[in-house]
Amino acid sequence: MDEKLILIADDDRDLVTALSIRLRSAGYEVVGAYDGEETFRVAQERKPDLIILDIRMPAGGGFSSIDKLKHSLGTMKTPVIFLTAFDDDEVRDQALSLGCVGYFRKPFNETEFMEAIRKALGET
């Protein structure tokens, strides 16, 4: 079975590195992006199986990124999980209304997060 590719889009490079290590140890291929423009470009080029997306990033945050991704033929069906520091129900509701399949606040429960990833990838 081919490794599933996960795009982690977050301007916190330490978080991208730590999460990449964890996901690679679980058998996933991982690529990172650090702003909204790079997220869209990498998603179009690499066609990830899942995108983990922060809400607040330079050059187009998570909301504008998911909007572009959901309106692009190459990525419109790619599941998106938001991982953010926002602790606000309105922000969560907005993220869910934009089509994300999961919403996690930093710091997150790793067991629940990994289960959401497996579910988004159709592995459970």
C-alpha atoms as a PDB file:
ATOM      1  CA  MET A   1       0.000   0.000   0.000  1.00  0.00           C
ATOM      2  CA  ASP A   2       1.293   3.457  -0.890  1.00  0.00           C
ATOM      3  CA  GLU A   3       2.047   5.913   1.884  1.00  0.00           C
ATOM      4  CA  LYS A   4      -0.596   8.589   2.274  1.00  0.00           C
ATOM      5  CA  LEU A   5       0.736  12.122   1.804  1.00  0.00           C
ATOM      6  CA  ILE A   6      -0.155  14.701   4.442  1.00  0.00           C
ATOM      7  CA  LEU A   7       0.469  18.428   3.951  1.00  0.00           C
ATOM      8  CA  ILE A   8       1.037  20.327   7.210  1.00  0.00           C
ATOM      9  CA  ALA A   9       0.446  24.052   6.717  1.00  0.00           C
ATOM     10  CA  ASP A  10       1.506  26.161   9.712  1.00  0.00           C
ATOM     11  CA  ASP A  11       3.871  29.102  10.132  1.00  0.00           C
ATOM     12  CA  ASP A  12       5.246  27.531  13.347  1.00  0.00           C
ATOM     13  CA  ARG A  13       8.206  25.615  11.922  1.00  0.00           C
ATOM     14  CA  ASP A  14       8.826  23.786  15.213  1.00  0.00           C
ATOM     15  CA  LEU A  15       5.268  22.454  15.197  1.00  0.00           C
ATOM     16  CA  VAL A  16       5.573  21.354  11.564  1.00  0.00           C
ATOM     17  CA  THR A  17       8.817  19.540  12.400  1.00  0.00           C
ATOM     18  CA  ALA A  18       7.433  17.821  15.513  1.00  0.00           C
ATOM     19  CA  LEU A  19       4.206  16.818  13.810  1.00  0.00           C
ATOM     20  CA  SER A  20       6.117  15.602  10.748  1.00  0.00           C
ATOM     21  CA  ILE A  21       8.227  13.312  12.934  1.00  0.00           C
ATOM     22  CA  ARG A  22       5.117  11.898  14.611  1.00  0.00           C
ATOM     23  CA  LEU A  23       3.274  11.343  11.334  1.00  0.00           C
ATOM     24  CA  ARG A  24       6.280   9.784   9.602  1.00  0.00           C
ATOM     25  CA  SER A  25       6.653   7.369  12.519  1.00  0.00           C
ATOM     26  CA  ALA A  26       3.009   6.385  11.911  1.00  0.00           C
ATOM     27  CA  GLY A  27       3.819   5.560   8.280  1.00  0.00           C
ATOM     28  CA  TYR A  28       2.745   8.712   6.460  1.00  0.00           C
ATOM     29  CA  GLU A  29       4.667  10.793   3.951  1.00  0.00           C
ATOM     30  CA  VAL A  30       4.710  14.443   5.038  1.00  0.00           C
ATOM     31  CA  VAL A  31       5.328  17.765   3.347  1.00  0.00           C
ATOM     32  CA  GLY A  32       5.244  21.192   5.013  1.00  0.00           C
ATOM     33  CA  ALA A  33       4.118  24.660   3.989  1.00  0.00           C
ATOM     34  CA  TYR A  34       4.554  27.829   6.028  1.00  0.00           C
ATOM     35  CA  ASP A  35       2.097  30.364   4.599  1.00  0.00           C
ATOM     36  CA  GLY A  36      -1.137  30.460   2.632  1.00  0.00           C
ATOM     37  CA  GLU A  37       0.415  30.909  -0.796  1.00  0.00           C
ATOM     38  CA  GLU A  38       2.866  28.064  -0.287  1.00  0.00           C
ATOM     39  CA  THR A  39       0.050  25.864   1.034  1.00  0.00           C
ATOM     40  CA  PHE A  40      -1.977  26.290  -2.146  1.00  0.00           C
ATOM     41  CA  ARG A  41       1.046  25.832  -4.419  1.00  0.00           C
ATOM     42  CA  VAL A  42       2.251  22.673  -2.645  1.00  0.00           C
ATOM     43  CA  ALA A  43      -1.281  21.244  -2.561  1.00  0.00           C
ATOM     44  CA  GLN A  44      -1.636  21.758  -6.320  1.00  0.00           C
ATOM     45  CA  GLU A  45       1.771  20.242  -7.055  1.00  0.00           C
ATOM     46  CA  ARG A  46       1.775  17.288  -4.652  1.00  0.00           C
ATOM     47  CA  LYS A  47      -1.969  16.430  -4.388  1.00  0.00           C
ATOM     48  CA  PRO A  48      -1.898  15.419  -0.698  1.00  0.00           C
ATOM     49  CA  ASP A  49      -4.372  12.915   0.715  1.00  0.00           C
ATOM     50  CA  LEU A  50      -4.970  15.203   3.721  1.00  0.00           C
ATOM     51  CA  ILE A  51      -4.171  18.800   4.661  1.00  0.00           C
ATOM     52  CA  ILE A  52      -3.592  19.899   8.251  1.00  0.00           C
ATOM     53  CA  LEU A  53      -4.140  23.646   8.236  1.00  0.00           C
ATOM     54  CA  ASP A  54      -3.535  26.477  10.706  1.00  0.00           C
ATOM     55  CA  ILE A  55      -5.954  29.401  10.693  1.00  0.00           C
ATOM     56  CA  ARG A  56      -3.525  32.259  11.273  1.00  0.00           C
ATOM     57  CA  MET A  57      -0.649  32.262   8.781  1.00  0.00           C
ATOM     58  CA  PRO A  58       1.026  34.914   6.647  1.00  0.00           C
ATOM     59  CA  ALA A  59       0.167  35.329   2.955  1.00  0.00           C
ATOM     60  CA  GLY A  60      -3.369  33.998   3.335  1.00  0.00           C
ATOM     61  CA  GLY A  61      -4.538  32.258   6.460  1.00  0.00           C
ATOM     62  CA  GLY A  62      -6.461  29.055   6.851  1.00  0.00           C
ATOM     63  CA  PHE A  63      -9.870  30.401   5.909  1.00  0.00           C
ATOM     64  CA  SER A  64      -8.721  31.883   2.614  1.00  0.00           C
ATOM     65  CA  SER A  65      -6.602  28.774   1.983  1.00  0.00           C
ATOM     66  CA  ILE A  66      -9.474  26.335   2.464  1.00  0.00           C
ATOM     67  CA  ASP A  67     -11.670  28.492   0.257  1.00  0.00           C
ATOM     68  CA  LYS A  68      -9.101  28.356  -2.562  1.00  0.00           C
ATOM     69  CA  LEU A  69      -8.514  24.634  -2.030  1.00  0.00           C
ATOM     70  CA  LYS A  70     -12.227  23.784  -2.066  1.00  0.00           C
ATOM     71  CA  HIS A  71     -12.701  25.771  -5.295  1.00  0.00           C
ATOM     72  CA  SER A  72      -9.810  24.128  -7.148  1.00  0.00           C
ATOM     73  CA  LEU A  73     -10.461  20.946  -9.136  1.00  0.00           C
ATOM     74  CA  GLY A  74      -7.189  19.413  -7.979  1.00  0.00           C
ATOM     75  CA  THR A  75      -7.905  19.758  -4.259  1.00  0.00           C
ATOM     76  CA  MET A  76     -11.650  20.262  -3.838  1.00  0.00           C
ATOM     77  CA  LYS A  77     -12.124  16.766  -2.384  1.00  0.00           C
ATOM     78  CA  THR A  78      -8.988  16.754  -0.228  1.00  0.00           C
ATOM     79  CA  PRO A  79      -9.969  16.519   3.440  1.00  0.00           C
ATOM     80  CA  VAL A  80      -8.792  19.358   5.684  1.00  0.00           C
ATOM     81  CA  ILE A  81      -8.263  19.286   9.438  1.00  0.00           C
ATOM     82  CA  PHE A  82      -7.760  22.630  11.144  1.00  0.00           C
ATOM     83  CA  LEU A  83      -5.140  22.752  13.904  1.00  0.00           C
ATOM     84  CA  THR A  84      -5.164  26.171  15.535  1.00  0.00           C
ATOM     85  CA  ALA A  85      -4.556  28.163  18.696  1.00  0.00           C
ATOM     86  CA  PHE A  86      -7.996  29.778  18.354  1.00  0.00           C
ATOM     87  CA  ASP A  87     -10.173  28.838  21.311  1.00  0.00           C
ATOM     88  CA  ASP A  88     -13.416  30.271  19.991  1.00  0.00           C
ATOM     89  CA  ASP A  89     -16.608  28.405  19.124  1.00  0.00           C
ATOM     90  CA  GLU A  90     -17.493  30.888  16.372  1.00  0.00           C
ATOM     91  CA  VAL A  91     -14.146  30.291  14.668  1.00  0.00           C
ATOM     92  CA  ARG A  92     -14.647  26.521  14.971  1.00  0.00           C
ATOM     93  CA  ASP A  93     -18.161  26.782  13.519  1.00  0.00           C
ATOM     94  CA  GLN A  94     -16.851  28.894  10.632  1.00  0.00           C
ATOM     95  CA  ALA A  95     -14.113  26.332   9.939  1.00  0.00           C
ATOM     96  CA  LEU A  96     -16.633  23.493   9.918  1.00  0.00           C
ATOM     97  CA  SER A  97     -18.964  25.445   7.636  1.00  0.00           C
ATOM     98  CA  LEU A  98     -16.092  25.824   5.140  1.00  0.00           C
ATOM     99  CA  GLY A  99     -15.859  22.064   4.806  1.00  0.00           C
ATOM    100  CA  CYS A 100     -13.135  20.905   7.165  1.00  0.00           C
ATOM    101  CA  VAL A 101     -13.482  17.383   8.536  1.00  0.00           C
ATOM    102  CA  GLY A 102     -11.878  18.153  11.892  1.00  0.00           C
ATOM    103  CA  TYR A 103     -10.988  21.034  14.171  1.00  0.00           C
ATOM    104  CA  PHE A 104      -8.367  20.808  16.915  1.00  0.00           C
ATOM    105  CA  ARG A 105      -7.121  23.458  19.299  1.00  0.00           C
ATOM    106  CA  LYS A 106      -3.443  23.668  20.243  1.00  0.00           C
ATOM    107  CA  PRO A 107      -2.331  22.006  22.425  1.00  0.00           C
ATOM    108  CA  PHE A 108      -4.198  18.960  21.184  1.00  0.00           C
ATOM    109  CA  ASN A 109      -4.875  15.435  22.401  1.00  0.00           C
ATOM    110  CA  GLU A 110      -2.553  13.329  20.262  1.00  0.00           C
ATOM    111  CA  THR A 111      -4.686  10.178  20.435  1.00  0.00           C
ATOM    112  CA  GLU A 112      -7.817  12.015  19.270  1.00  0.00           C
ATOM    113  CA  PHE A 113      -5.832  13.881  16.609  1.00  0.00           C
ATOM    114  CA  MET A 114      -4.315  10.701  15.171  1.00  0.00           C
ATOM    115  CA  GLU A 115      -7.738   9.045  15.148  1.00  0.00           C
ATOM    116  CA  ALA A 116      -9.162  12.020  13.216  1.00  0.00           C
ATOM    117  CA  ILE A 117      -6.327  11.690  10.692  1.00  0.00           C
ATOM    118  CA  ARG A 118      -6.991   7.974  10.202  1.00  0.00           C
ATOM    119  CA  LYS A 119     -10.712   8.658   9.821  1.00  0.00           C
ATOM    120  CA  ALA A 120     -10.134  11.486   7.298  1.00  0.00           C
ATOM    121  CA  LEU A 121      -7.923   9.152   5.279  1.00  0.00           C
ATOM    122  CA  GLY A 122     -10.529   6.373   5.373  1.00  0.00           C
ATOM    123  CA  GLU A 123      -8.343   4.112   7.476  1.00  0.00           C
ATOM    124  CA  THR A 124     -10.891   3.352  10.212  1.00  0.00           C
END
